[in-house]
Structures are given as C-alpha cells and as structure tokens.
Amino acid sequence: MERAYRRVVANKGAPGVDGMTVYQLADHLKQHWLTLRERLLADEYHPSPIRAAAIPKPKGGTRQLGIPRSLTA
C-alpha cells in the first residue's frame, strides 16, 4: 500500500472516482489504516469492477484504460 501510494504521489496522480486527492488520501490512510489493513488481511475488501477501454495514442497505437463502474467496495 505504501509503495503504491508513493508511486501515485510521484506521478502527481489525479483524484479517483470518489474525488479524493492524493493529499487527502494521506490523511484518510492515517485515520483508517488499522481498519483497512484488517479488511485487506481478512480478504474482506473487494474493489469495484473495472471496465477496460482502449484509447488511441497521439502517435498511433492504443493504451488500455481502466474505468471504475461504481463507488462501492
């Protein structure tokens, strides 16, 4: 989780479908880490389904894009 967070910060990631920014996520993780960790370890967290879409690249070819279907986890 920490490695993924650092990658998003380094890439200046945009807010997710919930509108939470990277900076808001830091506070959210600090407040809710124990619960999140328990759910992850207990295999009780299930991310929303993702719809795949191929988008054209400016110089040709395509890039895969994952589009969240809902906000429920």
PDB file of N, CA and C in Angstrom:
ATOM      1  N   MET A   1       0.833  -1.181   0.000  1.00  0.00           N
ATOM      2  CA  MET A   1       0.000   0.000   0.000  1.00  0.00           C
ATOM      3  C   MET A   1       0.878   1.245   0.000  1.00  0.00           C
ATOM      4  N   GLU A   2       1.915   1.213   0.833  1.00  0.00           N
ATOM      5  CA  GLU A   2       2.796   2.381   0.911  1.00  0.00           C
ATOM      6  C   GLU A   2       3.527   2.605  -0.415  1.00  0.00           C
ATOM      7  N   ARG A   3       3.979   1.528  -1.039  1.00  0.00           N
ATOM      8  CA  ARG A   3       4.680   1.653  -2.317  1.00  0.00           C
ATOM      9  C   ARG A   3       3.746   2.210  -3.389  1.00  0.00           C
ATOM     10  N   ALA A   4       2.514   1.730  -3.421  1.00  0.00           N
ATOM     11  CA  ALA A   4       1.539   2.227  -4.396  1.00  0.00           C
ATOM     12  C   ALA A   4       1.260   3.712  -4.151  1.00  0.00           C
ATOM     13  N   TYR A   5       1.114   4.094  -2.897  1.00  0.00           N
ATOM     14  CA  TYR A   5       0.863   5.496  -2.560  1.00  0.00           C
ATOM     15  C   TYR A   5       2.016   6.377  -3.050  1.00  0.00           C
ATOM     16  N   ARG A   6       3.260   5.944  -2.797  1.00  0.00           N
ATOM     17  CA  ARG A   6       4.419   6.734  -3.228  1.00  0.00           C
ATOM     18  C   ARG A   6       4.455   6.886  -4.747  1.00  0.00           C
ATOM     19  N   ARG A   7       4.069   5.840  -5.471  1.00  0.00           N
ATOM     20  CA  ARG A   7       4.049   5.920  -6.938  1.00  0.00           C
ATOM     21  C   ARG A   7       3.007   6.927  -7.420  1.00  0.00           C
ATOM     22  N   VAL A   8       1.842   6.931  -6.776  1.00  0.00           N
ATOM     23  CA  VAL A   8       0.792   7.879  -7.166  1.00  0.00           C
ATOM     24  C   VAL A   8       1.248   9.311  -6.889  1.00  0.00           C
ATOM     25  N   VAL A   9       1.868   9.543  -5.746  1.00  0.00           N
ATOM     26  CA  VAL A   9       2.374  10.883  -5.415  1.00  0.00           C
ATOM     27  C   VAL A   9       3.440  11.300  -6.431  1.00  0.00           C
ATOM     28  N   ALA A  10       4.362  10.397  -6.750  1.00  0.00           N
ATOM     29  CA  ALA A  10       5.437  10.713  -7.698  1.00  0.00           C
ATOM     30  C   ALA A  10       4.886  11.029  -9.088  1.00  0.00           C
ATOM     31  N   ASN A  11       3.784  10.373  -9.462  1.00  0.00           N
ATOM     32  CA  ASN A  11       3.173  10.609 -10.773  1.00  0.00           C
ATOM     33  C   ASN A  11       2.179  11.759 -10.758  1.00  0.00           C
ATOM     34  N   LYS A  12       2.042  12.420  -9.597  1.00  0.00           N
ATOM     35  CA  LYS A  12       1.075  13.509  -9.435  1.00  0.00           C
ATOM     36  C   LYS A  12      -0.314  13.045  -9.848  1.00  0.00           C
ATOM     37  N   GLY A  13      -0.710  11.892  -9.305  1.00  0.00           N
ATOM     38  CA  GLY A  13      -1.973  11.255  -9.656  1.00  0.00           C
ATOM     39  C   GLY A  13      -3.185  12.137  -9.447  1.00  0.00           C
ATOM     40  N   ALA A  14      -4.139  11.973 -10.332  1.00  0.00           N
ATOM     41  CA  ALA A  14      -5.397  12.716 -10.271  1.00  0.00           C
ATOM     42  C   ALA A  14      -6.330  12.063  -9.255  1.00  0.00           C
ATOM     43  N   PRO A  15      -7.320  12.802  -8.769  1.00  0.00           N
ATOM     44  CA  PRO A  15      -8.303  12.210  -7.849  1.00  0.00           C
ATOM     45  C   PRO A  15      -9.014  11.027  -8.492  1.00  0.00           C
ATOM     46  N   GLY A  16      -9.415  10.085  -7.653  1.00  0.00           N
ATOM     47  CA  GLY A  16     -10.164   8.926  -8.126  1.00  0.00           C
ATOM     48  C   GLY A  16     -11.623   9.269  -8.333  1.00  0.00           C
ATOM     49  N   VAL A  17     -12.445   8.240  -8.578  1.00  0.00           N
ATOM     50  CA  VAL A  17     -13.865   8.471  -8.823  1.00  0.00           C
ATOM     51  C   VAL A  17     -14.564   9.063  -7.603  1.00  0.00           C
ATOM     52  N   ASP A  18     -13.958   8.898  -6.429  1.00  0.00           N
ATOM     53  CA  ASP A  18     -14.544   9.471  -5.216  1.00  0.00           C
ATOM     54  C   ASP A  18     -14.144  10.929  -5.012  1.00  0.00           C
ATOM     55  N   GLY A  19     -13.278  11.453  -5.885  1.00  0.00           N
ATOM     56  CA  GLY A  19     -12.869  12.851  -5.790  1.00  0.00           C
ATOM     57  C   GLY A  19     -11.753  13.111  -4.792  1.00  0.00           C
ATOM     58  N   MET A  20     -11.253  12.081  -4.125  1.00  0.00           N
ATOM     59  CA  MET A  20     -10.219  12.254  -3.109  1.00  0.00           C
ATOM     60  C   MET A  20      -8.861  12.493  -3.773  1.00  0.00           C
ATOM     61  N   THR A  21      -8.206  13.574  -3.377  1.00  0.00           N
ATOM     62  CA  THR A  21      -6.887  13.880  -3.921  1.00  0.00           C
ATOM     63  C   THR A  21      -5.823  13.045  -3.209  1.00  0.00           C
ATOM     64  N   VAL A  22      -4.622  13.049  -3.758  1.00  0.00           N
ATOM     65  CA  VAL A  22      -3.507  12.326  -3.153  1.00  0.00           C
ATOM     66  C   VAL A  22      -3.243  12.862  -1.747  1.00  0.00           C
ATOM     67  N   TYR A  23      -3.361  14.160  -1.583  1.00  0.00           N
ATOM     68  CA  TYR A  23      -3.086  14.770  -0.284  1.00  0.00           C
ATOM     69  C   TYR A  23      -4.170  14.419   0.734  1.00  0.00           C
ATOM     70  N   GLN A  24      -5.413  14.329   0.285  1.00  0.00           N
ATOM     71  CA  GLN A  24      -6.490  13.904   1.179  1.00  0.00           C
ATOM     72  C   GLN A  24      -6.333  12.429   1.541  1.00  0.00           C
ATOM     73  N   LEU A  25      -5.820  11.652   0.610  1.00  0.00           N
ATOM     74  CA  LEU A  25      -5.628  10.219   0.848  1.00  0.00           C
ATOM     75  C   LEU A  25      -4.656   9.985   1.990  1.00  0.00           C
ATOM     76  N   ALA A  26      -3.615  10.793   2.094  1.00  0.00           N
ATOM     77  CA  ALA A  26      -2.640  10.634   3.178  1.00  0.00           C
ATOM     78  C   ALA A  26      -3.340  10.695   4.530  1.00  0.00           C
ATOM     79  N   ASP A  27      -4.188  11.699   4.733  1.00  0.00           N
ATOM     80  CA  ASP A  27      -4.920  11.827   5.997  1.00  0.00           C
ATOM     81  C   ASP A  27      -5.891  10.669   6.191  1.00  0.00           C
ATOM     82  N   HIS A  28      -6.569  10.285   5.115  1.00  0.00           N
ATOM     83  CA  HIS A  28      -7.532   9.178   5.184  1.00  0.00           C
ATOM     84  C   HIS A  28      -6.826   7.886   5.616  1.00  0.00           C
ATOM     85  N   LEU A  29      -5.670   7.616   5.031  1.00  0.00           N
ATOM     86  CA  LEU A  29      -4.938   6.398   5.386  1.00  0.00           C
ATOM     87  C   LEU A  29      -4.460   6.440   6.833  1.00  0.00           C
ATOM     88  N   LYS A  30      -4.025   7.610   7.296  1.00  0.00           N
ATOM     89  CA  LYS A  30      -3.592   7.732   8.690  1.00  0.00           C
ATOM     90  C   LYS A  30      -4.753   7.439   9.642  1.00  0.00           C
ATOM     91  N   GLN A  31      -5.937   7.936   9.321  1.00  0.00           N
ATOM     92  CA  GLN A  31      -7.102   7.766  10.184  1.00  0.00           C
ATOM     93  C   GLN A  31      -7.671   6.353  10.138  1.00  0.00           C
ATOM     94  N   HIS A  32      -7.622   5.718   8.981  1.00  0.00           N
ATOM     95  CA  HIS A  32      -8.335   4.452   8.795  1.00  0.00           C
ATOM     96  C   HIS A  32      -7.431   3.253   8.527  1.00  0.00           C
ATOM     97  N   TRP A  33      -6.117   3.411   8.709  1.00  0.00           N
ATOM     98  CA  TRP A  33      -5.206   2.349   8.329  1.00  0.00           C
ATOM     99  C   TRP A  33      -5.493   1.028   9.043  1.00  0.00           C
ATOM    100  N   LEU A  34      -5.752   1.037  10.326  1.00  0.00           N
ATOM    101  CA  LEU A  34      -5.969  -0.232  11.039  1.00  0.00           C
ATOM    102  C   LEU A  34      -7.157  -0.999  10.467  1.00  0.00           C
ATOM    103  N   THR A  35      -8.255  -0.306  10.203  1.00  0.00           N
ATOM    104  CA  THR A  35      -9.433  -0.960   9.627  1.00  0.00           C
ATOM    105  C   THR A  35      -9.148  -1.447   8.215  1.00  0.00           C
ATOM    106  N   LEU A  36      -8.507  -0.610   7.409  1.00  0.00           N
ATOM    107  CA  LEU A  36      -8.175  -1.005   6.043  1.00  0.00           C
ATOM    108  C   LEU A  36      -7.266  -2.231   6.048  1.00  0.00           C
ATOM    109  N   ARG A  37      -6.269  -2.219   6.914  1.00  0.00           N
ATOM    110  CA  ARG A  37      -5.337  -3.350   6.996  1.00  0.00           C
ATOM    111  C   ARG A  37      -6.063  -4.626   7.382  1.00  0.00           C
ATOM    112  N   GLU A  38      -6.935  -4.543   8.377  1.00  0.00           N
ATOM    113  CA  GLU A  38      -7.697  -5.715   8.807  1.00  0.00           C
ATOM    114  C   GLU A  38      -8.543  -6.270   7.666  1.00  0.00           C
ATOM    115  N   ARG A  39      -9.225  -5.388   6.940  1.00  0.00           N
ATOM    116  CA  ARG A  39     -10.064  -5.832   5.819  1.00  0.00           C
ATOM    117  C   ARG A  39      -9.240  -6.468   4.710  1.00  0.00           C
ATOM    118  N   LEU A  40      -8.079  -5.883   4.419  1.00  0.00           N
ATOM    119  CA  LEU A  40      -7.206  -6.453   3.396  1.00  0.00           C
ATOM    120  C   LEU A  40      -6.695  -7.834   3.803  1.00  0.00           C
ATOM    121  N   LEU A  41      -6.206  -7.947   5.041  1.00  0.00           N
ATOM    122  CA  LEU A  41      -5.666  -9.217   5.512  1.00  0.00           C
ATOM    123  C   LEU A  41      -6.738 -10.295   5.646  1.00  0.00           C
ATOM    124  N   ALA A  42      -7.974  -9.886   5.963  1.00  0.00           N
ATOM    125  CA  ALA A  42      -9.073 -10.842   6.104  1.00  0.00           C
ATOM    126  C   ALA A  42      -9.747 -11.141   4.769  1.00  0.00           C
ATOM    127  N   ASP A  43      -9.231 -10.575   3.701  1.00  0.00           N
ATOM    128  CA  ASP A  43      -9.800 -10.737   2.360  1.00  0.00           C
ATOM    129  C   ASP A  43     -11.259 -10.279   2.331  1.00  0.00           C
ATOM    130  N   GLU A  44     -11.539  -9.200   3.067  1.00  0.00           N
ATOM    131  CA  GLU A  44     -12.890  -8.652   3.120  1.00  0.00           C
ATOM    132  C   GLU A  44     -13.056  -7.425   2.236  1.00  0.00           C
ATOM    133  N   TYR A  45     -11.985  -6.955   1.653  1.00  0.00           N
ATOM    134  CA  TYR A  45     -12.060  -5.799   0.765  1.00  0.00           C
ATOM    135  C   TYR A  45     -12.149  -6.294  -0.671  1.00  0.00           C
ATOM    136  N   HIS A  46     -13.127  -5.802  -1.388  1.00  0.00           N
ATOM    137  CA  HIS A  46     -13.302  -6.187  -2.789  1.00  0.00           C
ATOM    138  C   HIS A  46     -13.483  -4.917  -3.609  1.00  0.00           C
ATOM    139  N   PRO A  47     -12.476  -4.562  -4.419  1.00  0.00           N
ATOM    140  CA  PRO A  47     -12.576  -3.340  -5.210  1.00  0.00           C
ATOM    141  C   PRO A  47     -13.712  -3.409  -6.216  1.00  0.00           C
ATOM    142  N   SER A  48     -14.159  -2.258  -6.640  1.00  0.00           N
ATOM    143  CA  SER A  48     -15.223  -2.173  -7.639  1.00  0.00           C
ATOM    144  C   SER A  48     -14.741  -2.760  -8.960  1.00  0.00           C
ATOM    145  N   PRO A  49     -15.660  -3.303  -9.736  1.00  0.00           N
ATOM    146  CA  PRO A  49     -15.266  -3.820 -11.048  1.00  0.00           C
ATOM    147  C   PRO A  49     -14.747  -2.696 -11.948  1.00  0.00           C
ATOM    148  N   ILE A  50     -13.864  -3.053 -12.829  1.00  0.00           N
ATOM    149  CA  ILE A  50     -13.260  -2.102 -13.759  1.00  0.00           C
ATOM    150  C   ILE A  50     -13.650  -2.489 -15.185  1.00  0.00           C
ATOM    151  N   ARG A  51     -14.058  -1.482 -15.953  1.00  0.00           N
ATOM    152  CA  ARG A  51     -14.362  -1.709 -17.369  1.00  0.00           C
ATOM    153  C   ARG A  51     -13.136  -1.280 -18.165  1.00  0.00           C
ATOM    154  N   ALA A  52     -12.648  -2.173 -19.020  1.00  0.00           N
ATOM    155  CA  ALA A  52     -11.470  -1.872 -19.833  1.00  0.00           C
ATOM    156  C   ALA A  52     -11.891  -1.141 -21.101  1.00  0.00           C
ATOM    157  N   ALA A  53     -11.071  -0.182 -21.494  1.00  0.00           N
ATOM    158  CA  ALA A  53     -11.299   0.542 -22.742  1.00  0.00           C
ATOM    159  C   ALA A  53      -9.939   0.840 -23.358  1.00  0.00           C
ATOM    160  N   ALA A  54      -9.847   0.721 -24.660  1.00  0.00           N
ATOM    161  CA  ALA A  54      -8.617   1.067 -25.372  1.00  0.00           C
ATOM    162  C   ALA A  54      -8.785   2.472 -25.938  1.00  0.00           C
ATOM    163  N   ILE A  55      -7.837   3.352 -25.632  1.00  0.00           N
ATOM    164  CA  ILE A  55      -7.907   4.718 -26.151  1.00  0.00           C
ATOM    165  C   ILE A  55      -6.739   4.939 -27.114  1.00  0.00           C
ATOM    166  N   PRO A  56      -6.956   5.700 -28.166  1.00  0.00           N
ATOM    167  CA  PRO A  56      -5.887   5.921 -29.142  1.00  0.00           C
ATOM    168  C   PRO A  56      -4.783   6.825 -28.577  1.00  0.00           C
ATOM    169  N   LYS A  57      -3.548   6.507 -28.944  1.00  0.00           N
ATOM    170  CA  LYS A  57      -2.404   7.334 -28.560  1.00  0.00           C
ATOM    171  C   LYS A  57      -2.130   8.330 -29.686  1.00  0.00           C
ATOM    172  N   PRO A  58      -1.628   9.509 -29.356  1.00  0.00           N
ATOM    173  CA  PRO A  58      -1.393  10.547 -30.376  1.00  0.00           C
ATOM    174  C   PRO A  58      -0.488  10.098 -31.532  1.00  0.00           C
ATOM    175  N   LYS A  59       0.480   9.254 -31.225  1.00  0.00           N
ATOM    176  CA  LYS A  59       1.425   8.823 -32.269  1.00  0.00           C
ATOM    177  C   LYS A  59       1.106   7.422 -32.791  1.00  0.00           C
ATOM    178  N   GLY A  60      -0.145   7.001 -32.640  1.00  0.00           N
ATOM    179  CA  GLY A  60      -0.558   5.685 -33.121  1.00  0.00           C
ATOM    180  C   GLY A  60      -0.603   4.651 -32.009  1.00  0.00           C
ATOM    181  N   GLY A  61      -1.295   3.582 -32.276  1.00  0.00           N
ATOM    182  CA  GLY A  61      -1.457   2.535 -31.274  1.00  0.00           C
ATOM    183  C   GLY A  61      -2.541   2.895 -30.270  1.00  0.00           C
ATOM    184  N   THR A  62      -2.680   2.069 -29.259  1.00  0.00           N
ATOM    185  CA  THR A  62      -3.685   2.312 -28.223  1.00  0.00           C
ATOM    186  C   THR A  62      -3.076   2.109 -26.847  1.00  0.00           C
ATOM    187  N   ARG A  63      -3.787   2.620 -25.860  1.00  0.00           N
ATOM    188  CA  ARG A  63      -3.401   2.457 -24.455  1.00  0.00           C
ATOM    189  C   ARG A  63      -4.620   1.947 -23.712  1.00  0.00           C
ATOM    190  N   GLN A  64      -4.410   0.959 -22.841  1.00  0.00           N
ATOM    191  CA  GLN A  64      -5.513   0.425 -22.049  1.00  0.00           C
ATOM    192  C   GLN A  64      -5.865   1.393 -20.921  1.00  0.00           C
ATOM    193  N   LEU A  65      -7.131   1.566 -20.690  1.00  0.00           N
ATOM    194  CA  LEU A  65      -7.622   2.442 -19.637  1.00  0.00           C
ATOM    195  C   LEU A  65      -8.634   1.658 -18.819  1.00  0.00           C
ATOM    196  N   GLY A  66      -8.536   1.724 -17.498  1.00  0.00           N
ATOM    197  CA  GLY A  66      -9.496   1.077 -16.616  1.00  0.00           C
ATOM    198  C   GLY A  66     -10.479   2.100 -16.076  1.00  0.00           C
ATOM    199  N   ILE A  67     -11.768   1.849 -16.264  1.00  0.00           N
ATOM    200  CA  ILE A  67     -12.793   2.785 -15.840  1.00  0.00           C
ATOM    201  C   ILE A  67     -13.619   2.152 -14.729  1.00  0.00           C
ATOM    202  N   PRO A  68     -13.562   2.707 -13.505  1.00  0.00           N
ATOM    203  CA  PRO A  68     -14.357   2.148 -12.398  1.00  0.00           C
ATOM    204  C   PRO A  68     -15.844   2.215 -12.720  1.00  0.00           C
ATOM    205  N   ARG A  69     -16.584   1.179 -12.336  1.00  0.00           N
ATOM    206  CA  ARG A  69     -18.017   1.113 -12.633  1.00  0.00           C
ATOM    207  C   ARG A  69     -18.868   1.719 -11.532  1.00  0.00           C
ATOM    208  N   SER A  70     -18.383   1.704 -10.281  1.00  0.00           N
ATOM    209  CA  SER A  70     -19.174   2.275  -9.197  1.00  0.00           C
ATOM    210  C   SER A  70     -18.251   2.683  -8.061  1.00  0.00           C
ATOM    211  N   LEU A  71     -18.814   3.281  -7.039  1.00  0.00           N
ATOM    212  CA  LEU A  71     -18.027   3.715  -5.888  1.00  0.00           C
ATOM    213  C   LEU A  71     -18.068   2.727  -4.743  1.00  0.00           C
ATOM    214  N   THR A  72     -18.823   1.650  -4.842  1.00  0.00           N
ATOM    215  CA  THR A  72     -18.928   0.712  -3.740  1.00  0.00           C
ATOM    216  C   THR A  72     -17.770  -0.256  -3.730  1.00  0.00           C
ATOM    217  N   ALA A  73     -17.316  -0.616  -2.560  1.00  0.00           N
ATOM    218  CA  ALA A  73     -16.194  -1.561  -2.443  1.00  0.00           C
ATOM    219  C   ALA A  73     -16.661  -2.816  -1.763  1.00  0.00           C
TER     220      ALA A  73
END
